[in-house]
Amino acid sequence: ELLEELGEPSDTLRKRIMEQKDIKV
């Protein structure tokens, strides 16, 4: 959501973010 305020995140970036499971990261 924050990145969408800056533009259109790529599908690859969205996927990478959603796949991240480490809460600290």
PDB file of all heavy atoms in Angstrom:
ATOM      1  N   GLU A   1       0.827  -1.207   0.000  1.00  0.00           N
ATOM      2  CA  GLU A   1       0.000   0.000   0.000  1.00  0.00           C
ATOM      3  C   GLU A   1       0.864   1.262   0.000  1.00  0.00           C
ATOM      4  O   GLU A   1       0.592   2.216  -0.737  1.00  0.00           O
ATOM      5  CB  GLU A   1      -0.923  -0.014   1.216  1.00  0.00           C
ATOM      6  CG  GLU A   1      -1.967   1.077   1.204  1.00  0.00           C
ATOM      7  CD  GLU A   1      -2.928   0.968   2.378  1.00  0.00           C
ATOM      8  OE1 GLU A   1      -3.294  -0.157   2.754  1.00  0.00           O
ATOM      9  OE2 GLU A   1      -3.299   2.037   2.917  1.00  0.00           O
ATOM     10  N   LEU A   2       1.918   1.284   0.811  1.00  0.00           N
ATOM     11  CA  LEU A   2       2.828   2.444   0.820  1.00  0.00           C
ATOM     12  C   LEU A   2       3.515   2.606  -0.542  1.00  0.00           C
ATOM     13  O   LEU A   2       3.655   3.719  -1.040  1.00  0.00           O
ATOM     14  CB  LEU A   2       3.880   2.287   1.921  1.00  0.00           C
ATOM     15  CG  LEU A   2       3.420   2.581   3.342  1.00  0.00           C
ATOM     16  CD1 LEU A   2       4.501   2.198   4.342  1.00  0.00           C
ATOM     17  CD2 LEU A   2       3.041   4.053   3.491  1.00  0.00           C
ATOM     18  N   LEU A   3       3.938   1.475  -1.115  1.00  0.00           N
ATOM     19  CA  LEU A   3       4.608   1.546  -2.417  1.00  0.00           C
ATOM     20  C   LEU A   3       3.657   2.008  -3.523  1.00  0.00           C
ATOM     21  O   LEU A   3       4.080   2.719  -4.450  1.00  0.00           O
ATOM     22  CB  LEU A   3       5.219   0.190  -2.777  1.00  0.00           C
ATOM     23  CG  LEU A   3       6.370  -0.270  -1.888  1.00  0.00           C
ATOM     24  CD1 LEU A   3       6.822  -1.675  -2.259  1.00  0.00           C
ATOM     25  CD2 LEU A   3       7.539   0.711  -1.951  1.00  0.00           C
ATOM     26  N   GLU A   4       2.377   1.659  -3.409  1.00  0.00           N
ATOM     27  CA  GLU A   4       1.390   2.095  -4.409  1.00  0.00           C
ATOM     28  C   GLU A   4       1.224   3.608  -4.415  1.00  0.00           C
ATOM     29  O   GLU A   4       0.842   4.188  -5.433  1.00  0.00           O
ATOM     30  CB  GLU A   4       0.047   1.397  -4.170  1.00  0.00           C
ATOM     31  CG  GLU A   4       0.057  -0.057  -4.602  1.00  0.00           C
ATOM     32  CD  GLU A   4      -1.208  -0.815  -4.224  1.00  0.00           C
ATOM     33  OE1 GLU A   4      -1.932  -0.372  -3.295  1.00  0.00           O
ATOM     34  OE2 GLU A   4      -1.454  -1.866  -4.845  1.00  0.00           O
ATOM     35  N   GLU A   5       1.516   4.244  -3.288  1.00  0.00           N
ATOM     36  CA  GLU A   5       1.472   5.707  -3.246  1.00  0.00           C
ATOM     37  C   GLU A   5       2.615   6.311  -4.066  1.00  0.00           C
ATOM     38  O   GLU A   5       2.555   7.470  -4.459  1.00  0.00           O
ATOM     39  CB  GLU A   5       1.540   6.203  -1.800  1.00  0.00           C
ATOM     40  CG  GLU A   5       0.288   5.882  -1.001  1.00  0.00           C
ATOM     41  CD  GLU A   5       0.364   6.361   0.435  1.00  0.00           C
ATOM     42  OE1 GLU A   5       1.257   7.169   0.774  1.00  0.00           O
ATOM     43  OE2 GLU A   5      -0.492   5.920   1.232  1.00  0.00           O
ATOM     44  N   LEU A   6       3.649   5.496  -4.311  1.00  0.00           N
ATOM     45  CA  LEU A   6       4.813   5.961  -5.078  1.00  0.00           C
ATOM     46  C   LEU A   6       4.723   5.590  -6.555  1.00  0.00           C
ATOM     47  O   LEU A   6       5.519   6.061  -7.367  1.00  0.00           O
ATOM     48  CB  LEU A   6       6.088   5.352  -4.487  1.00  0.00           C
ATOM     49  CG  LEU A   6       6.360   5.652  -3.018  1.00  0.00           C
ATOM     50  CD1 LEU A   6       7.563   4.861  -2.530  1.00  0.00           C
ATOM     51  CD2 LEU A   6       6.567   7.154  -2.810  1.00  0.00           C
ATOM     52  N   GLY A   7       3.817   4.713  -6.903  1.00  0.00           N
ATOM     53  CA  GLY A   7       3.699   4.232  -8.277  1.00  0.00           C
ATOM     54  C   GLY A   7       3.065   2.843  -8.291  1.00  0.00           C
ATOM     55  O   GLY A   7       2.374   2.459  -7.352  1.00  0.00           O
ATOM     56  N   GLU A   8       3.350   2.097  -9.345  1.00  0.00           N
ATOM     57  CA  GLU A   8       2.774   0.754  -9.497  1.00  0.00           C
ATOM     58  C   GLU A   8       3.857  -0.303  -9.295  1.00  0.00           C
ATOM     59  O   GLU A   8       4.702  -0.512 -10.173  1.00  0.00           O
ATOM     60  CB  GLU A   8       2.149   0.608 -10.893  1.00  0.00           C
ATOM     61  CG  GLU A   8       1.436  -0.710 -11.134  1.00  0.00           C
ATOM     62  CD  GLU A   8       0.285  -0.940 -10.175  1.00  0.00           C
ATOM     63  OE1 GLU A   8      -0.398   0.020  -9.770  1.00  0.00           O
ATOM     64  OE2 GLU A   8       0.071  -2.113  -9.815  1.00  0.00           O
ATOM     65  N   PRO A   9       3.860  -0.965  -8.127  1.00  0.00           N
ATOM     66  CA  PRO A   9       4.848  -2.028  -7.896  1.00  0.00           C
ATOM     67  C   PRO A   9       4.642  -3.163  -8.910  1.00  0.00           C
ATOM     68  O   PRO A   9       3.508  -3.494  -9.251  1.00  0.00           O
ATOM     69  CB  PRO A   9       4.541  -2.524  -6.475  1.00  0.00           C
ATOM     70  CG  PRO A   9       3.663  -1.478  -5.867  1.00  0.00           C
ATOM     71  CD  PRO A   9       2.968  -0.795  -6.988  1.00  0.00           C
ATOM     72  N   SER A  10       5.726  -3.728  -9.369  1.00  0.00           N
ATOM     73  CA  SER A  10       5.630  -4.833 -10.330  1.00  0.00           C
ATOM     74  C   SER A  10       5.002  -6.056  -9.666  1.00  0.00           C
ATOM     75  O   SER A  10       5.023  -6.196  -8.436  1.00  0.00           O
ATOM     76  CB  SER A  10       7.017  -5.194 -10.863  1.00  0.00           C
ATOM     77  OG  SER A  10       7.795  -5.776  -9.826  1.00  0.00           O
ATOM     78  N   ASP A  11       4.464  -6.942 -10.482  1.00  0.00           N
ATOM     79  CA  ASP A  11       3.897  -8.189  -9.953  1.00  0.00           C
ATOM     80  C   ASP A  11       4.963  -9.003  -9.236  1.00  0.00           C
ATOM     81  O   ASP A  11       4.690  -9.632  -8.210  1.00  0.00           O
ATOM     82  CB  ASP A  11       3.284  -9.022 -11.083  1.00  0.00           C
ATOM     83  CG  ASP A  11       2.002  -8.393 -11.627  1.00  0.00           C
ATOM     84  OD1 ASP A  11       1.401  -7.557 -10.933  1.00  0.00           O
ATOM     85  OD2 ASP A  11       1.598  -8.757 -12.763  1.00  0.00           O
ATOM     86  N   THR A  12       6.169  -8.971  -9.741  1.00  0.00           N
ATOM     87  CA  THR A  12       7.274  -9.713  -9.124  1.00  0.00           C
ATOM     88  C   THR A  12       7.572  -9.164  -7.733  1.00  0.00           C
ATOM     89  O   THR A  12       7.760  -9.929  -6.788  1.00  0.00           O
ATOM     90  CB  THR A  12       8.546  -9.628 -10.001  1.00  0.00           C
ATOM     91  OG1 THR A  12       8.226 -10.107 -11.306  1.00  0.00           O
ATOM     92  CG2 THR A  12       9.676 -10.437  -9.422  1.00  0.00           C
ATOM     93  N   LEU A  13       7.594  -7.823  -7.619  1.00  0.00           N
ATOM     94  CA  LEU A  13       7.851  -7.199  -6.322  1.00  0.00           C
ATOM     95  C   LEU A  13       6.719  -7.516  -5.342  1.00  0.00           C
ATOM     96  O   LEU A  13       6.974  -7.874  -4.183  1.00  0.00           O
ATOM     97  CB  LEU A  13       8.028  -5.690  -6.470  1.00  0.00           C
ATOM     98  CG  LEU A  13       8.310  -4.910  -5.177  1.00  0.00           C
ATOM     99  CD1 LEU A  13       9.574  -5.420  -4.480  1.00  0.00           C
ATOM    100  CD2 LEU A  13       8.419  -3.419  -5.472  1.00  0.00           C
ATOM    101  N   ARG A  14       5.489  -7.399  -5.805  1.00  0.00           N
ATOM    102  CA  ARG A  14       4.335  -7.732  -4.952  1.00  0.00           C
ATOM    103  C   ARG A  14       4.443  -9.174  -4.445  1.00  0.00           C
ATOM    104  O   ARG A  14       4.253  -9.434  -3.263  1.00  0.00           O
ATOM    105  CB  ARG A  14       3.032  -7.588  -5.731  1.00  0.00           C
ATOM    106  CG  ARG A  14       2.622  -6.180  -6.011  1.00  0.00           C
ATOM    107  CD  ARG A  14       1.380  -6.180  -6.925  1.00  0.00           C
ATOM    108  NE  ARG A  14       1.062  -4.858  -7.370  1.00  0.00           N
ATOM    109  CZ  ARG A  14       0.247  -4.019  -6.744  1.00  0.00           C
ATOM    110  NH1 ARG A  14      -0.328  -4.391  -5.620  1.00  0.00           N
ATOM    111  NH2 ARG A  14       0.020  -2.814  -7.219  1.00  0.00           N
ATOM    112  N   LYS A  15       4.751 -10.053  -5.359  1.00  0.00           N
ATOM    113  CA  LYS A  15       4.854 -11.472  -5.007  1.00  0.00           C
ATOM    114  C   LYS A  15       5.960 -11.698  -3.982  1.00  0.00           C
ATOM    115  O   LYS A  15       5.776 -12.413  -3.000  1.00  0.00           O
ATOM    116  CB  LYS A  15       5.110 -12.306  -6.263  1.00  0.00           C
ATOM    117  CG  LYS A  15       5.164 -13.787  -6.007  1.00  0.00           C
ATOM    118  CD  LYS A  15       5.403 -14.566  -7.290  1.00  0.00           C
ATOM    119  CE  LYS A  15       5.544 -16.041  -6.940  1.00  0.00           C
ATOM    120  NZ  LYS A  15       6.051 -16.817  -8.033  1.00  0.00           N
ATOM    121  N   ARG A  16       7.100 -11.058  -4.199  1.00  0.00           N
ATOM    122  CA  ARG A  16       8.236 -11.214  -3.282  1.00  0.00           C
ATOM    123  C   ARG A  16       7.892 -10.713  -1.879  1.00  0.00           C
ATOM    124  O   ARG A  16       8.226 -11.348  -0.874  1.00  0.00           O
ATOM    125  CB  ARG A  16       9.461 -10.472  -3.855  1.00  0.00           C
ATOM    126  CG  ARG A  16      10.667 -10.455  -2.989  1.00  0.00           C
ATOM    127  CD  ARG A  16      11.196 -11.848  -2.748  1.00  0.00           C
ATOM    128  NE  ARG A  16      12.192 -11.807  -1.703  1.00  0.00           N
ATOM    129  CZ  ARG A  16      13.321 -12.439  -1.720  1.00  0.00           C
ATOM    130  NH1 ARG A  16      13.614 -13.213  -2.707  1.00  0.00           N
ATOM    131  NH2 ARG A  16      14.168 -12.316  -0.733  1.00  0.00           N
ATOM    132  N   ILE A  17       7.186  -9.604  -1.823  1.00  0.00           N
ATOM    133  CA  ILE A  17       6.781  -9.050  -0.531  1.00  0.00           C
ATOM    134  C   ILE A  17       5.788  -9.994   0.160  1.00  0.00           C
ATOM    135  O   ILE A  17       5.933 -10.297   1.344  1.00  0.00           O
ATOM    136  CB  ILE A  17       6.183  -7.633  -0.700  1.00  0.00           C
ATOM    137  CG1 ILE A  17       7.286  -6.649  -1.146  1.00  0.00           C
ATOM    138  CG2 ILE A  17       5.516  -7.160   0.599  1.00  0.00           C
ATOM    139  CD1 ILE A  17       6.765  -5.303  -1.624  1.00  0.00           C
ATOM    140  N   MET A  18       4.804 -10.480  -0.575  1.00  0.00           N
ATOM    141  CA  MET A  18       3.784 -11.358   0.012  1.00  0.00           C
ATOM    142  C   MET A  18       4.362 -12.717   0.419  1.00  0.00           C
ATOM    143  O   MET A  18       3.856 -13.357   1.332  1.00  0.00           O
ATOM    144  CB  MET A  18       2.610 -11.552  -0.961  1.00  0.00           C
ATOM    145  CG  MET A  18       1.794 -10.292  -1.198  1.00  0.00           C
ATOM    146  SD  MET A  18       1.139  -9.486   0.300  1.00  0.00           S
ATOM    147  CE  MET A  18      -0.020 -10.711   0.883  1.00  0.00           C
ATOM    148  N   GLU A  19       5.428 -13.143  -0.229  1.00  0.00           N
ATOM    149  CA  GLU A  19       6.053 -14.436   0.103  1.00  0.00           C
ATOM    150  C   GLU A  19       6.952 -14.353   1.333  1.00  0.00           C
ATOM    151  O   GLU A  19       7.279 -15.375   1.925  1.00  0.00           O
ATOM    152  CB  GLU A  19       6.871 -14.952  -1.087  1.00  0.00           C
ATOM    153  CG  GLU A  19       6.020 -15.472  -2.221  1.00  0.00           C
ATOM    154  CD  GLU A  19       6.835 -15.881  -3.444  1.00  0.00           C
ATOM    155  OE1 GLU A  19       8.046 -15.521  -3.529  1.00  0.00           O
ATOM    156  OE2 GLU A  19       6.266 -16.541  -4.327  1.00  0.00           O
ATOM    157  N   GLN A  20       7.346 -13.141   1.713  1.00  0.00           N
ATOM    158  CA  GLN A  20       8.238 -12.975   2.866  1.00  0.00           C
ATOM    159  C   GLN A  20       7.483 -13.319   4.144  1.00  0.00           C
ATOM    160  O   GLN A  20       6.420 -12.783   4.413  1.00  0.00           O
ATOM    161  CB  GLN A  20       8.767 -11.543   2.922  1.00  0.00           C
ATOM    162  CG  GLN A  20       9.685 -11.235   4.067  1.00  0.00           C
ATOM    163  CD  GLN A  20      10.889 -12.151   4.140  1.00  0.00           C
ATOM    164  OE1 GLN A  20      10.951 -13.007   5.013  1.00  0.00           O
ATOM    165  NE2 GLN A  20      11.809 -11.983   3.219  1.00  0.00           N
ATOM    166  N   LYS A  21       8.011 -14.216   4.937  1.00  0.00           N
ATOM    167  CA  LYS A  21       7.338 -14.671   6.159  1.00  0.00           C
ATOM    168  C   LYS A  21       8.068 -14.261   7.438  1.00  0.00           C
ATOM    169  O   LYS A  21       7.581 -14.526   8.522  1.00  0.00           O
ATOM    170  CB  LYS A  21       7.161 -16.203   6.141  1.00  0.00           C
ATOM    171  CG  LYS A  21       6.337 -16.709   4.969  1.00  0.00           C
ATOM    172  CD  LYS A  21       4.958 -16.096   4.939  1.00  0.00           C
ATOM    173  CE  LYS A  21       4.167 -16.559   3.736  1.00  0.00           C
ATOM    174  NZ  LYS A  21       3.115 -15.635   3.350  1.00  0.00           N
ATOM    175  N   ASP A  22       9.207 -13.614   7.307  1.00  0.00           N
ATOM    176  CA  ASP A  22       9.964 -13.172   8.480  1.00  0.00           C
ATOM    177  C   ASP A  22       9.441 -11.801   8.910  1.00  0.00           C
ATOM    178  O   ASP A  22       9.590 -10.808   8.198  1.00  0.00           O
ATOM    179  CB  ASP A  22      11.452 -13.109   8.132  1.00  0.00           C
ATOM    180  CG  ASP A  22      12.329 -12.791   9.329  1.00  0.00           C
ATOM    181  OD1 ASP A  22      11.887 -12.059  10.247  1.00  0.00           O
ATOM    182  OD2 ASP A  22      13.475 -13.272   9.351  1.00  0.00           O
ATOM    183  N   ILE A  23       8.820 -11.750  10.065  1.00  0.00           N
ATOM    184  CA  ILE A  23       8.186 -10.525  10.560  1.00  0.00           C
ATOM    185  C   ILE A  23       9.204  -9.399  10.755  1.00  0.00           C
ATOM    186  O   ILE A  23       8.892  -8.232  10.523  1.00  0.00           O
ATOM    187  CB  ILE A  23       7.378 -10.800  11.858  1.00  0.00           C
ATOM    188  CG1 ILE A  23       6.444  -9.631  12.187  1.00  0.00           C
ATOM    189  CG2 ILE A  23       8.287 -11.092  13.028  1.00  0.00           C
ATOM    190  CD1 ILE A  23       5.127  -9.716  11.528  1.00  0.00           C
ATOM    191  N   LYS A  24      10.430  -9.741  11.141  1.00  0.00           N
ATOM    192  CA  LYS A  24      11.465  -8.710  11.336  1.00  0.00           C
ATOM    193  C   LYS A  24      11.859  -8.086   9.998  1.00  0.00           C
ATOM    194  O   LYS A  24      12.039  -6.873   9.899  1.00  0.00           O
ATOM    195  CB  LYS A  24      12.687  -9.306  12.026  1.00  0.00           C
ATOM    196  CG  LYS A  24      12.424  -9.672  13.471  1.00  0.00           C
ATOM    197  CD  LYS A  24      13.639 -10.282  14.126  1.00  0.00           C
ATOM    198  CE  LYS A  24      13.337 -10.685  15.560  1.00  0.00           C
ATOM    199  NZ  LYS A  24      14.446 -11.351  16.198  1.00  0.00           N
ATOM    200  N   VAL A  25      11.986  -8.920   8.982  1.00  0.00           N
ATOM    201  CA  VAL A  25      12.311  -8.415   7.641  1.00  0.00           C
ATOM    202  C   VAL A  25      11.185  -7.518   7.159  1.00  0.00           C
ATOM    203  O   VAL A  25      11.423  -6.420   6.639  1.00  0.00           O
ATOM    204  CB  VAL A  25      12.556  -9.584   6.653  1.00  0.00           C
ATOM    205  CG1 VAL A  25      12.648  -9.082   5.224  1.00  0.00           C
ATOM    206  CG2 VAL A  25      13.814 -10.357   7.031  1.00  0.00           C
TER     207      VAL A  25
END
